[in-house]
């Protein structure tokens, strides 16, 4: 049986960082099919290689006014099917919110443990999203403080269990942690998350968390 290996393209100006990331990914069976140091070169690469995941530093040099979200926006416009994982040097709550809201598959810090970065790439390839717990917590706090409250969504009729899962997602917990906390299987967690995404009409778990906080659901 043919096993599909995850393919990735790396967009980062730092050659040493790219080399380390390539080694980490390839040691774990993820094929790095291209590298670039700018958005322009990256877009050409993505078009040619059609990778499962694009790992991008949101501070690339050819971005307008240092807009961290522009890289994700341009990649998603050019290749809507690409799963984009932002791997940033520093935390910006607003960037994390914006990147995820425009369809990015998560926001992690370069200083994250190797296992977390691998999980982020795998989650992105599977169409899920992973966000650094530290970023998730500050993101939720910021959204609450900004009072960006839209009306609670009447269409989001989540069951009590789905509400619990959503609260844990908003707290930055991954599927294993949610399963352990609620004493349910990982498979059941995934089913609940699929149902939540459908009901909230969003494409990934981080967008669900952002929407939940903005509409005072959690």
N, C-alpha and C. Protein backbone atom coordinates (compact mmCIF):
# COMPACT_ATOMS: atom_id res chain seq x y z
N UNK A 1 0.84 -1.19 0.00
CA UNK A 1 0.00 0.00 0.00
C UNK A 1 0.88 1.25 0.00
N UNK A 2 0.57 2.20 -0.89
CA UNK A 2 1.38 3.42 -0.97
C UNK A 2 1.01 4.36 0.17
N UNK A 3 2.02 4.75 0.93
CA UNK A 3 1.78 5.68 2.04
C UNK A 3 2.17 7.09 1.57
N UNK A 4 1.23 8.03 1.71
CA UNK A 4 1.53 9.40 1.29
C UNK A 4 2.36 10.08 2.38
N UNK A 5 3.54 10.52 2.00
CA UNK A 5 4.37 11.27 2.94
C UNK A 5 3.97 12.73 2.89
N UNK A 6 4.01 13.38 4.04
CA UNK A 6 3.71 14.81 4.09
C UNK A 6 4.85 15.56 3.39
N UNK A 7 4.49 16.52 2.54
CA UNK A 7 5.50 17.36 1.88
C UNK A 7 5.39 18.79 2.41
N UNK A 8 6.55 19.45 2.52
CA UNK A 8 6.56 20.81 3.07
C UNK A 8 7.50 21.72 2.28
N UNK A 9 7.14 22.99 2.25
CA UNK A 9 8.01 24.04 1.72
C UNK A 9 8.33 24.98 2.87
N UNK A 10 9.59 25.39 3.00
CA UNK A 10 10.01 26.27 4.09
C UNK A 10 10.32 27.66 3.55
N UNK A 11 9.70 28.68 4.14
CA UNK A 11 9.97 30.07 3.75
C UNK A 11 10.56 30.80 4.95
N UNK A 12 11.87 31.07 4.88
CA UNK A 12 12.55 31.72 6.00
C UNK A 12 13.86 32.30 5.49
N UNK A 13 14.25 33.48 5.97
CA UNK A 13 15.49 34.10 5.49
C UNK A 13 16.72 33.46 6.14
N UNK A 14 16.55 32.84 7.31
CA UNK A 14 17.68 32.31 8.05
C UNK A 14 18.07 30.92 7.55
N UNK A 15 19.20 30.86 6.85
CA UNK A 15 19.65 29.59 6.24
C UNK A 15 19.88 28.52 7.30
N UNK A 16 20.50 28.89 8.42
CA UNK A 16 20.78 27.91 9.47
C UNK A 16 19.50 27.38 10.08
N UNK A 17 18.53 28.27 10.30
CA UNK A 17 17.25 27.83 10.86
C UNK A 17 16.55 26.87 9.90
N UNK A 18 16.58 27.22 8.60
CA UNK A 18 15.95 26.34 7.59
C UNK A 18 16.62 24.96 7.59
N UNK A 19 17.94 24.96 7.69
CA UNK A 19 18.68 23.68 7.68
C UNK A 19 18.27 22.82 8.88
N UNK A 20 18.18 23.46 10.04
CA UNK A 20 17.79 22.72 11.25
C UNK A 20 16.36 22.20 11.15
N UNK A 21 15.49 23.05 10.60
CA UNK A 21 14.08 22.66 10.47
C UNK A 21 13.94 21.52 9.46
N UNK A 22 14.69 21.63 8.34
CA UNK A 22 14.65 20.58 7.33
C UNK A 22 15.08 19.24 7.94
N UNK A 23 16.18 19.28 8.72
CA UNK A 23 16.68 18.04 9.34
C UNK A 23 15.64 17.45 10.30
N UNK A 24 15.02 18.32 11.11
CA UNK A 24 14.00 17.87 12.06
C UNK A 24 12.84 17.20 11.33
N UNK A 25 12.34 17.85 10.27
CA UNK A 25 11.18 17.33 9.55
C UNK A 25 11.53 16.03 8.82
N UNK A 26 12.68 16.03 8.12
CA UNK A 26 13.01 14.85 7.31
C UNK A 26 13.34 13.65 8.18
N UNK A 27 13.90 13.90 9.38
CA UNK A 27 14.15 12.79 10.31
C UNK A 27 12.84 12.15 10.75
N UNK A 28 11.74 12.92 10.66
CA UNK A 28 10.43 12.41 11.10
C UNK A 28 9.56 11.99 9.91
N UNK A 29 10.18 11.86 8.74
CA UNK A 29 9.44 11.34 7.58
C UNK A 29 8.65 12.39 6.82
N UNK A 30 8.91 13.68 7.09
CA UNK A 30 8.23 14.76 6.34
C UNK A 30 9.21 15.27 5.28
N UNK A 31 8.82 15.19 4.01
CA UNK A 31 9.73 15.55 2.93
C UNK A 31 9.70 17.06 2.67
N UNK A 32 10.86 17.70 2.79
CA UNK A 32 10.96 19.14 2.46
C UNK A 32 11.26 19.23 0.96
N UNK A 33 10.29 19.72 0.19
CA UNK A 33 10.41 19.72 -1.28
C UNK A 33 10.90 21.05 -1.84
N UNK A 34 11.12 22.02 -0.94
CA UNK A 34 11.64 23.31 -1.43
C UNK A 34 11.85 24.28 -0.30
N UNK A 35 12.76 25.25 -0.52
CA UNK A 35 13.02 26.30 0.46
C UNK A 35 13.15 27.63 -0.28
N UNK A 36 12.73 28.71 0.37
CA UNK A 36 12.88 30.03 -0.23
C UNK A 36 13.07 31.05 0.89
N UNK A 37 13.64 32.23 0.49
CA UNK A 37 13.90 33.26 1.50
C UNK A 37 13.00 34.48 1.31
N UNK A 38 12.02 34.40 0.37
CA UNK A 38 11.10 35.52 0.17
C UNK A 38 9.73 34.99 -0.24
N UNK A 39 8.73 35.84 -0.11
CA UNK A 39 7.37 35.43 -0.49
C UNK A 39 7.30 35.17 -1.99
N UNK A 40 7.92 36.06 -2.78
CA UNK A 40 7.86 35.91 -4.25
C UNK A 40 8.41 34.55 -4.68
N UNK A 41 9.63 34.22 -4.21
CA UNK A 41 10.23 32.93 -4.57
C UNK A 41 9.38 31.79 -4.02
N UNK A 42 8.84 32.00 -2.81
CA UNK A 42 8.01 30.97 -2.18
C UNK A 42 6.76 30.66 -2.99
N UNK A 43 6.11 31.70 -3.51
CA UNK A 43 4.89 31.49 -4.29
C UNK A 43 5.17 30.66 -5.55
N UNK A 44 6.32 30.94 -6.20
CA UNK A 44 6.68 30.15 -7.39
C UNK A 44 6.93 28.70 -7.01
N UNK A 45 7.61 28.50 -5.89
CA UNK A 45 7.91 27.15 -5.40
C UNK A 45 6.63 26.37 -5.09
N UNK A 46 5.72 27.06 -4.39
CA UNK A 46 4.46 26.42 -3.97
C UNK A 46 3.66 26.00 -5.20
N UNK A 47 3.65 26.87 -6.22
CA UNK A 47 2.92 26.57 -7.44
C UNK A 47 3.51 25.33 -8.12
N UNK A 48 4.86 25.24 -8.09
CA UNK A 48 5.52 24.13 -8.76
C UNK A 48 5.42 22.82 -7.97
N UNK A 49 5.61 22.92 -6.64
CA UNK A 49 5.72 21.71 -5.81
C UNK A 49 4.39 21.25 -5.21
N UNK A 50 3.43 22.16 -5.09
CA UNK A 50 2.14 21.86 -4.44
C UNK A 50 2.32 21.08 -3.12
N UNK A 51 3.00 21.67 -2.15
CA UNK A 51 3.24 20.96 -0.88
C UNK A 51 1.97 20.86 -0.03
N UNK A 52 2.00 19.90 0.91
CA UNK A 52 0.87 19.79 1.86
C UNK A 52 0.89 20.97 2.83
N UNK A 53 2.09 21.36 3.25
CA UNK A 53 2.23 22.40 4.28
C UNK A 53 3.28 23.42 3.86
N UNK A 54 2.98 24.70 4.10
CA UNK A 54 3.96 25.76 3.91
C UNK A 54 4.29 26.31 5.29
N UNK A 55 5.56 26.16 5.70
CA UNK A 55 5.99 26.70 7.00
C UNK A 55 6.63 28.05 6.71
N UNK A 56 6.04 29.12 7.25
CA UNK A 56 6.48 30.46 6.87
C UNK A 56 6.81 31.32 8.08
N UNK A 57 7.94 32.04 7.98
CA UNK A 57 8.27 33.06 8.97
C UNK A 57 7.47 34.30 8.60
N UNK A 58 6.56 34.77 9.48
CA UNK A 58 5.73 35.92 9.10
C UNK A 58 6.49 37.24 9.02
N UNK A 59 7.83 37.21 9.21
CA UNK A 59 8.61 38.45 9.12
C UNK A 59 9.56 38.42 7.92
N UNK A 60 9.10 37.89 6.80
CA UNK A 60 9.94 37.85 5.61
C UNK A 60 10.21 39.27 5.09
N UNK A 61 11.35 39.49 4.41
CA UNK A 61 11.74 40.86 4.07
C UNK A 61 10.88 41.54 3.00
N UNK A 62 10.27 40.76 2.09
CA UNK A 62 9.54 41.45 1.01
C UNK A 62 8.05 41.61 1.33
N UNK A 63 7.77 41.92 2.59
CA UNK A 63 6.38 42.13 3.01
C UNK A 63 6.12 43.63 3.18
N UNK A 64 4.94 44.05 2.80
CA UNK A 64 4.58 45.46 2.91
C UNK A 64 4.52 45.90 4.37
N UNK A 65 5.27 46.95 4.70
CA UNK A 65 5.22 47.53 6.05
C UNK A 65 5.37 46.49 7.15
N UNK A 66 6.11 45.43 6.87
CA UNK A 66 6.29 44.39 7.90
C UNK A 66 4.99 43.75 8.33
N UNK A 67 4.02 43.69 7.43
CA UNK A 67 2.72 43.10 7.76
C UNK A 67 2.85 41.59 7.84
N UNK A 68 2.81 41.05 9.07
CA UNK A 68 3.04 39.62 9.28
C UNK A 68 1.99 38.75 8.61
N UNK A 69 0.81 39.31 8.39
CA UNK A 69 -0.27 38.50 7.82
C UNK A 69 -0.22 38.45 6.30
N UNK A 70 0.58 39.33 5.71
CA UNK A 70 0.57 39.44 4.25
C UNK A 70 1.07 38.16 3.59
N UNK A 71 2.09 37.52 4.20
CA UNK A 71 2.63 36.28 3.63
C UNK A 71 1.53 35.23 3.56
N UNK A 72 0.79 35.06 4.65
CA UNK A 72 -0.28 34.06 4.68
C UNK A 72 -1.36 34.43 3.67
N UNK A 73 -1.72 35.72 3.61
CA UNK A 73 -2.76 36.17 2.69
C UNK A 73 -2.38 35.85 1.25
N UNK A 74 -1.12 36.19 0.90
CA UNK A 74 -0.69 35.98 -0.49
C UNK A 74 -0.58 34.50 -0.84
N UNK A 75 -0.13 33.70 0.11
CA UNK A 75 -0.03 32.25 -0.15
C UNK A 75 -1.43 31.66 -0.33
N UNK A 76 -2.38 32.05 0.54
CA UNK A 76 -3.75 31.50 0.46
C UNK A 76 -4.45 31.97 -0.82
N UNK A 77 -4.16 33.19 -1.27
CA UNK A 77 -4.76 33.68 -2.52
C UNK A 77 -4.22 32.90 -3.71
N UNK A 78 -2.91 32.64 -3.67
CA UNK A 78 -2.24 31.97 -4.78
C UNK A 78 -2.51 30.46 -4.77
N UNK A 79 -2.56 29.87 -3.57
CA UNK A 79 -2.76 28.41 -3.45
C UNK A 79 -3.74 28.15 -2.31
N UNK A 80 -5.05 28.30 -2.57
CA UNK A 80 -6.05 28.17 -1.50
C UNK A 80 -5.98 26.84 -0.75
N UNK A 81 -5.50 25.78 -1.43
CA UNK A 81 -5.48 24.46 -0.78
C UNK A 81 -4.28 24.29 0.15
N UNK A 82 -3.31 25.21 0.08
CA UNK A 82 -2.09 25.07 0.90
C UNK A 82 -2.42 25.30 2.38
N UNK A 83 -1.87 24.46 3.23
CA UNK A 83 -2.00 24.65 4.68
C UNK A 83 -0.78 25.43 5.15
N UNK A 84 -1.03 26.61 5.73
CA UNK A 84 0.08 27.50 6.07
C UNK A 84 0.28 27.56 7.58
N UNK A 85 1.48 27.20 8.03
CA UNK A 85 1.81 27.26 9.45
C UNK A 85 2.81 28.39 9.67
N UNK A 86 2.44 29.38 10.48
CA UNK A 86 3.36 30.49 10.78
C UNK A 86 4.28 30.07 11.92
N UNK A 87 5.58 30.25 11.70
CA UNK A 87 6.58 29.92 12.72
C UNK A 87 7.35 31.21 12.99
N UNK A 88 6.99 31.87 14.09
CA UNK A 88 7.46 33.24 14.31
C UNK A 88 8.54 33.31 15.39
N UNK A 89 9.33 34.38 15.30
CA UNK A 89 10.40 34.60 16.28
C UNK A 89 9.83 35.16 17.58
N UNK A 90 8.75 35.93 17.46
CA UNK A 90 8.18 36.53 18.67
C UNK A 90 6.66 36.47 18.60
N UNK A 91 6.04 36.66 19.75
CA UNK A 91 4.59 36.58 19.85
C UNK A 91 3.94 37.92 19.57
N UNK A 92 2.92 37.91 18.74
CA UNK A 92 2.05 39.07 18.64
C UNK A 92 0.63 38.53 18.62
N UNK A 93 -0.13 38.84 19.67
CA UNK A 93 -1.49 38.32 19.76
C UNK A 93 -2.30 38.69 18.52
N UNK A 94 -2.17 39.94 18.09
CA UNK A 94 -2.98 40.40 16.97
C UNK A 94 -2.60 39.64 15.69
N UNK A 95 -1.30 39.44 15.48
CA UNK A 95 -0.87 38.67 14.30
C UNK A 95 -1.43 37.26 14.36
N UNK A 96 -1.38 36.64 15.55
CA UNK A 96 -1.89 35.27 15.68
C UNK A 96 -3.37 35.23 15.32
N UNK A 97 -4.14 36.18 15.84
CA UNK A 97 -5.58 36.23 15.53
C UNK A 97 -5.79 36.40 14.03
N UNK A 98 -5.09 37.39 13.44
CA UNK A 98 -5.28 37.69 12.02
C UNK A 98 -4.88 36.53 11.13
N UNK A 99 -3.73 35.91 11.43
CA UNK A 99 -3.23 34.81 10.60
C UNK A 99 -4.22 33.65 10.62
N UNK A 100 -4.73 33.33 11.79
CA UNK A 100 -5.68 32.23 11.90
C UNK A 100 -7.01 32.57 11.24
N UNK A 101 -7.46 33.81 11.44
CA UNK A 101 -8.76 34.20 10.87
C UNK A 101 -8.72 34.23 9.34
N UNK A 102 -7.54 34.41 8.76
CA UNK A 102 -7.50 34.40 7.30
C UNK A 102 -7.16 33.01 6.75
N UNK A 103 -7.25 31.98 7.60
CA UNK A 103 -7.12 30.62 7.10
C UNK A 103 -5.79 29.96 7.36
N UNK A 104 -4.91 30.61 8.13
CA UNK A 104 -3.65 29.97 8.49
C UNK A 104 -3.89 28.79 9.42
N UNK A 105 -3.04 27.77 9.30
CA UNK A 105 -3.22 26.56 10.12
C UNK A 105 -2.37 26.60 11.38
N UNK A 106 -2.41 27.72 12.06
CA UNK A 106 -1.73 27.78 13.34
C UNK A 106 -0.58 28.78 13.39
N UNK A 107 -0.14 29.03 14.61
CA UNK A 107 0.88 30.04 14.89
C UNK A 107 1.73 29.49 16.03
N UNK A 108 2.99 29.19 15.73
CA UNK A 108 3.89 28.66 16.76
C UNK A 108 5.13 29.55 16.83
N UNK A 109 5.83 29.43 17.96
CA UNK A 109 7.06 30.19 18.12
C UNK A 109 8.26 29.32 17.74
N UNK A 110 9.29 29.96 17.16
CA UNK A 110 10.48 29.21 16.76
C UNK A 110 11.15 28.53 17.95
N UNK A 111 10.94 29.09 19.14
CA UNK A 111 11.58 28.52 20.33
C UNK A 111 10.80 27.31 20.86
N UNK A 112 9.69 26.96 20.23
CA UNK A 112 8.86 25.82 20.69
C UNK A 112 9.68 24.53 20.63
N UNK A 113 9.35 23.56 21.50
CA UNK A 113 10.06 22.27 21.43
C UNK A 113 9.87 21.62 20.05
N UNK A 114 10.88 20.86 19.64
CA UNK A 114 10.85 20.20 18.32
C UNK A 114 9.55 19.41 18.13
N UNK A 115 9.12 18.73 19.19
CA UNK A 115 7.91 17.89 19.08
C UNK A 115 6.67 18.74 18.79
N UNK A 116 6.63 19.94 19.36
CA UNK A 116 5.49 20.83 19.12
C UNK A 116 5.47 21.29 17.66
N UNK A 117 6.66 21.63 17.14
CA UNK A 117 6.73 22.06 15.74
C UNK A 117 6.31 20.92 14.81
N UNK A 118 6.77 19.70 15.11
CA UNK A 118 6.35 18.53 14.31
C UNK A 118 4.85 18.34 14.38
N UNK A 119 4.28 18.47 15.59
CA UNK A 119 2.83 18.33 15.75
C UNK A 119 2.10 19.38 14.94
N UNK A 120 2.65 20.61 14.91
CA UNK A 120 2.04 21.70 14.16
C UNK A 120 2.01 21.40 12.67
N UNK A 121 3.11 20.87 12.14
CA UNK A 121 3.19 20.54 10.71
C UNK A 121 2.22 19.40 10.39
N UNK A 122 2.19 18.39 11.26
CA UNK A 122 1.28 17.25 11.02
C UNK A 122 -0.18 17.69 11.11
N UNK A 123 -0.47 18.53 12.11
CA UNK A 123 -1.85 19.03 12.27
C UNK A 123 -2.27 19.82 11.04
N UNK A 124 -1.36 20.67 10.56
CA UNK A 124 -1.66 21.49 9.37
C UNK A 124 -1.94 20.57 8.17
N UNK A 125 -1.10 19.54 7.99
CA UNK A 125 -1.26 18.63 6.85
C UNK A 125 -2.61 17.90 6.92
N UNK A 126 -3.08 17.67 8.16
CA UNK A 126 -4.34 16.96 8.35
C UNK A 126 -5.54 17.91 8.29
N UNK A 127 -5.26 19.20 8.02
CA UNK A 127 -6.35 20.16 7.94
C UNK A 127 -6.81 20.67 9.29
N UNK A 128 -6.01 20.38 10.33
CA UNK A 128 -6.33 20.89 11.66
C UNK A 128 -5.44 22.12 11.91
N UNK A 129 -5.48 22.64 13.11
CA UNK A 129 -4.63 23.80 13.40
C UNK A 129 -4.06 23.66 14.79
N UNK A 130 -2.88 24.18 14.97
CA UNK A 130 -2.25 24.15 16.28
C UNK A 130 -1.74 25.55 16.57
N UNK A 131 -1.93 25.98 17.80
CA UNK A 131 -1.47 27.32 18.16
C UNK A 131 -0.71 27.21 19.48
N UNK A 132 0.38 27.94 19.60
CA UNK A 132 1.19 27.85 20.81
C UNK A 132 0.31 28.14 22.03
N UNK A 133 0.37 27.26 23.07
CA UNK A 133 -0.48 27.48 24.26
C UNK A 133 -0.34 28.89 24.82
N UNK A 134 0.92 29.38 24.87
CA UNK A 134 1.14 30.74 25.40
C UNK A 134 0.40 31.77 24.54
N UNK A 135 0.47 31.57 23.22
CA UNK A 135 -0.21 32.49 22.31
C UNK A 135 -1.72 32.35 22.46
N UNK A 136 -2.19 31.09 22.57
CA UNK A 136 -3.63 30.85 22.69
C UNK A 136 -4.21 31.55 23.91
N UNK A 137 -3.52 31.43 25.03
CA UNK A 137 -4.02 32.01 26.28
C UNK A 137 -4.05 33.54 26.17
N UNK A 138 -2.95 34.12 25.65
CA UNK A 138 -2.92 35.60 25.56
C UNK A 138 -3.90 36.09 24.49
N UNK A 139 -4.08 35.27 23.45
CA UNK A 139 -5.03 35.61 22.38
C UNK A 139 -6.46 35.69 22.96
N UNK A 140 -6.81 34.67 23.74
CA UNK A 140 -8.14 34.63 24.35
C UNK A 140 -8.32 35.81 25.31
N UNK A 141 -7.25 36.09 26.10
CA UNK A 141 -7.33 37.20 27.06
C UNK A 141 -7.53 38.52 26.31
N UNK A 142 -6.80 38.68 25.22
CA UNK A 142 -6.89 39.92 24.44
C UNK A 142 -8.29 40.09 23.85
N UNK A 143 -8.82 39.01 23.30
CA UNK A 143 -10.15 39.08 22.69
C UNK A 143 -11.20 39.45 23.73
N UNK A 144 -11.05 38.85 24.92
CA UNK A 144 -12.02 39.16 25.99
C UNK A 144 -11.89 40.63 26.40
N UNK A 145 -10.64 41.08 26.56
CA UNK A 145 -10.42 42.45 27.02
C UNK A 145 -10.90 43.47 26.00
N UNK A 146 -10.73 43.13 24.72
CA UNK A 146 -11.12 44.08 23.68
C UNK A 146 -12.64 44.16 23.58
N UNK A 147 -13.33 43.19 24.22
CA UNK A 147 -14.79 43.18 24.18
C UNK A 147 -15.30 43.15 22.77
N UNK A 148 -14.56 42.44 21.89
CA UNK A 148 -14.98 42.38 20.48
C UNK A 148 -16.21 41.49 20.37
N UNK A 149 -17.19 41.76 21.19
CA UNK A 149 -18.36 40.88 21.26
C UNK A 149 -19.32 41.10 20.12
N UNK A 150 -19.46 40.06 19.31
CA UNK A 150 -20.56 40.08 18.36
C UNK A 150 -21.72 39.41 19.10
N UNK A 151 -22.89 39.39 18.48
CA UNK A 151 -24.01 38.70 19.13
C UNK A 151 -23.69 37.22 19.24
N UNK A 152 -24.06 36.56 20.35
CA UNK A 152 -23.90 35.11 20.40
C UNK A 152 -24.63 34.49 19.22
N UNK A 153 -24.02 33.48 18.63
CA UNK A 153 -24.57 32.90 17.41
C UNK A 153 -25.73 31.97 17.72
N UNK A 154 -26.94 32.30 17.29
CA UNK A 154 -28.06 31.39 17.57
C UNK A 154 -27.89 30.06 16.84
N UNK A 155 -27.12 30.09 15.68
CA UNK A 155 -26.99 28.85 14.90
C UNK A 155 -26.04 27.85 15.56
N UNK A 156 -25.26 28.34 16.54
CA UNK A 156 -24.26 27.44 17.12
C UNK A 156 -24.85 26.67 18.28
N UNK A 157 -25.66 25.71 17.94
CA UNK A 157 -26.30 24.91 19.00
C UNK A 157 -25.36 23.78 19.37
N UNK A 158 -24.39 24.11 20.21
CA UNK A 158 -23.44 23.09 20.62
C UNK A 158 -24.00 22.32 21.81
N UNK A 159 -23.72 21.02 21.82
CA UNK A 159 -24.12 20.21 22.97
C UNK A 159 -23.24 20.60 24.16
N UNK A 160 -23.64 20.14 25.34
CA UNK A 160 -22.88 20.48 26.55
C UNK A 160 -21.43 19.96 26.42
N UNK A 161 -21.29 18.75 25.89
CA UNK A 161 -19.96 18.16 25.73
C UNK A 161 -19.13 18.96 24.70
N UNK A 162 -19.77 19.39 23.62
CA UNK A 162 -19.07 20.20 22.61
C UNK A 162 -18.61 21.53 23.20
N UNK A 163 -19.44 22.11 24.09
CA UNK A 163 -19.05 23.34 24.78
C UNK A 163 -17.79 23.11 25.62
N UNK A 164 -17.75 21.96 26.31
CA UNK A 164 -16.57 21.64 27.14
C UNK A 164 -15.32 21.51 26.28
N UNK A 165 -15.48 20.81 25.15
CA UNK A 165 -14.35 20.62 24.22
C UNK A 165 -13.87 21.98 23.70
N UNK A 166 -14.84 22.83 23.35
CA UNK A 166 -14.51 24.16 22.80
C UNK A 166 -13.76 25.00 23.84
N UNK A 167 -14.18 24.93 25.09
CA UNK A 167 -13.49 25.68 26.16
C UNK A 167 -12.04 25.24 26.27
N UNK A 168 -11.80 23.93 26.15
CA UNK A 168 -10.43 23.40 26.26
C UNK A 168 -9.60 23.77 25.04
N UNK A 169 -10.25 23.80 23.86
CA UNK A 169 -9.54 24.26 22.65
C UNK A 169 -9.11 25.72 22.85
N UNK A 170 -10.03 26.53 23.39
CA UNK A 170 -9.74 27.96 23.60
C UNK A 170 -8.62 28.15 24.63
N UNK A 171 -8.43 27.14 25.47
CA UNK A 171 -7.35 27.21 26.47
C UNK A 171 -6.03 26.69 25.90
N UNK A 172 -6.03 26.36 24.60
CA UNK A 172 -4.79 25.94 23.95
C UNK A 172 -4.44 24.48 24.10
N UNK A 173 -5.41 23.64 24.54
CA UNK A 173 -5.13 22.21 24.75
C UNK A 173 -5.19 21.44 23.43
N UNK A 174 -4.31 20.45 23.29
CA UNK A 174 -4.37 19.61 22.09
C UNK A 174 -5.33 18.44 22.33
N UNK A 175 -5.52 17.61 21.30
CA UNK A 175 -6.52 16.53 21.39
C UNK A 175 -6.23 15.56 22.53
N UNK A 176 -4.95 15.21 22.72
CA UNK A 176 -4.61 14.25 23.79
C UNK A 176 -4.96 14.82 25.16
N UNK A 177 -4.65 16.11 25.36
CA UNK A 177 -4.93 16.75 26.66
C UNK A 177 -6.44 16.84 26.89
N UNK A 178 -7.19 17.13 25.82
CA UNK A 178 -8.66 17.22 25.94
C UNK A 178 -9.22 15.84 26.29
N UNK A 179 -8.72 14.81 25.61
CA UNK A 179 -9.19 13.44 25.86
C UNK A 179 -8.93 13.06 27.33
N UNK A 180 -7.73 13.39 27.83
CA UNK A 180 -7.37 13.05 29.21
C UNK A 180 -8.25 13.79 30.20
N UNK A 181 -8.48 15.07 29.94
CA UNK A 181 -9.25 15.89 30.88
C UNK A 181 -10.72 15.47 30.95
N UNK A 182 -11.27 15.06 29.80
CA UNK A 182 -12.71 14.71 29.77
C UNK A 182 -12.95 13.20 29.86
N UNK A 183 -11.87 12.45 30.02
CA UNK A 183 -11.96 10.97 30.12
C UNK A 183 -12.69 10.36 28.93
N UNK A 184 -12.32 10.83 27.73
CA UNK A 184 -12.90 10.25 26.51
C UNK A 184 -11.73 9.91 25.57
N UNK A 185 -12.01 9.14 24.51
CA UNK A 185 -10.93 8.74 23.61
C UNK A 185 -10.56 9.90 22.68
N UNK A 186 -9.36 9.79 22.12
CA UNK A 186 -8.88 10.81 21.17
C UNK A 186 -9.81 10.85 19.95
N UNK A 187 -10.28 9.66 19.56
CA UNK A 187 -11.18 9.56 18.40
C UNK A 187 -12.48 10.33 18.67
N UNK A 188 -13.00 10.20 19.89
CA UNK A 188 -14.23 10.91 20.27
C UNK A 188 -14.00 12.42 20.25
N UNK A 189 -12.81 12.85 20.72
CA UNK A 189 -12.47 14.28 20.69
C UNK A 189 -12.53 14.77 19.25
N UNK A 190 -11.90 14.01 18.32
CA UNK A 190 -11.87 14.42 16.91
C UNK A 190 -13.29 14.53 16.35
N UNK A 191 -14.15 13.60 16.74
CA UNK A 191 -15.56 13.65 16.28
C UNK A 191 -16.25 14.91 16.79
N UNK A 192 -16.03 15.22 18.08
CA UNK A 192 -16.64 16.43 18.65
C UNK A 192 -16.14 17.68 17.92
N UNK A 193 -14.83 17.71 17.64
CA UNK A 193 -14.26 18.88 16.97
C UNK A 193 -14.85 19.03 15.57
N UNK A 194 -14.97 17.91 14.84
CA UNK A 194 -15.58 17.97 13.49
C UNK A 194 -16.98 18.56 13.56
N UNK A 195 -17.74 18.11 14.55
CA UNK A 195 -19.12 18.60 14.73
C UNK A 195 -19.13 20.09 15.06
N UNK A 196 -18.20 20.52 15.94
CA UNK A 196 -18.11 21.94 16.32
C UNK A 196 -17.81 22.80 15.09
N UNK A 197 -16.86 22.34 14.25
CA UNK A 197 -16.48 23.11 13.07
C UNK A 197 -17.66 23.28 12.12
N UNK A 198 -18.42 22.21 11.94
CA UNK A 198 -19.59 22.28 11.06
C UNK A 198 -20.62 23.26 11.62
N UNK A 199 -20.90 23.12 12.92
CA UNK A 199 -21.93 23.97 13.53
C UNK A 199 -21.53 25.45 13.56
N UNK A 200 -20.23 25.72 13.75
CA UNK A 200 -19.79 27.12 13.81
C UNK A 200 -19.41 27.66 12.43
N UNK A 201 -19.45 26.77 11.42
CA UNK A 201 -19.13 27.17 10.04
C UNK A 201 -17.73 27.78 9.94
N UNK A 202 -16.75 27.08 10.54
CA UNK A 202 -15.35 27.51 10.45
C UNK A 202 -14.53 26.32 9.94
N UNK A 203 -13.28 26.61 9.53
CA UNK A 203 -12.49 25.55 8.91
C UNK A 203 -11.49 24.87 9.82
N UNK A 204 -11.13 25.50 10.94
CA UNK A 204 -10.21 24.80 11.84
C UNK A 204 -10.48 25.19 13.29
N UNK A 205 -9.82 24.43 14.19
CA UNK A 205 -10.11 24.56 15.63
C UNK A 205 -9.75 25.93 16.19
N UNK A 206 -8.71 26.56 15.64
CA UNK A 206 -8.32 27.87 16.19
C UNK A 206 -9.35 28.93 15.81
N UNK A 207 -9.85 28.85 14.58
CA UNK A 207 -10.92 29.78 14.18
C UNK A 207 -12.14 29.57 15.08
N UNK A 208 -12.42 28.30 15.44
CA UNK A 208 -13.55 28.01 16.34
C UNK A 208 -13.34 28.69 17.69
N UNK A 209 -12.11 28.60 18.20
CA UNK A 209 -11.81 29.22 19.50
C UNK A 209 -11.95 30.73 19.45
N UNK A 210 -11.43 31.33 18.36
CA UNK A 210 -11.52 32.79 18.22
C UNK A 210 -12.98 33.22 18.15
N UNK A 211 -13.78 32.51 17.35
CA UNK A 211 -15.20 32.84 17.22
C UNK A 211 -15.92 32.68 18.57
N UNK A 212 -15.58 31.60 19.28
CA UNK A 212 -16.23 31.33 20.57
C UNK A 212 -15.97 32.46 21.55
N UNK A 213 -14.72 32.94 21.59
CA UNK A 213 -14.40 34.02 22.53
C UNK A 213 -15.06 35.31 22.09
N UNK A 214 -15.02 35.58 20.77
CA UNK A 214 -15.61 36.84 20.28
C UNK A 214 -17.11 36.88 20.52
N UNK A 215 -17.76 35.72 20.51
CA UNK A 215 -19.22 35.73 20.67
C UNK A 215 -19.61 35.30 22.08
N UNK A 216 -18.64 35.38 23.00
CA UNK A 216 -18.91 35.08 24.42
C UNK A 216 -19.50 33.70 24.63
N UNK A 217 -19.07 32.72 23.82
CA UNK A 217 -19.57 31.36 24.00
C UNK A 217 -18.74 30.59 25.04
N UNK A 218 -17.49 31.05 25.28
CA UNK A 218 -16.69 30.40 26.31
C UNK A 218 -16.17 31.46 27.27
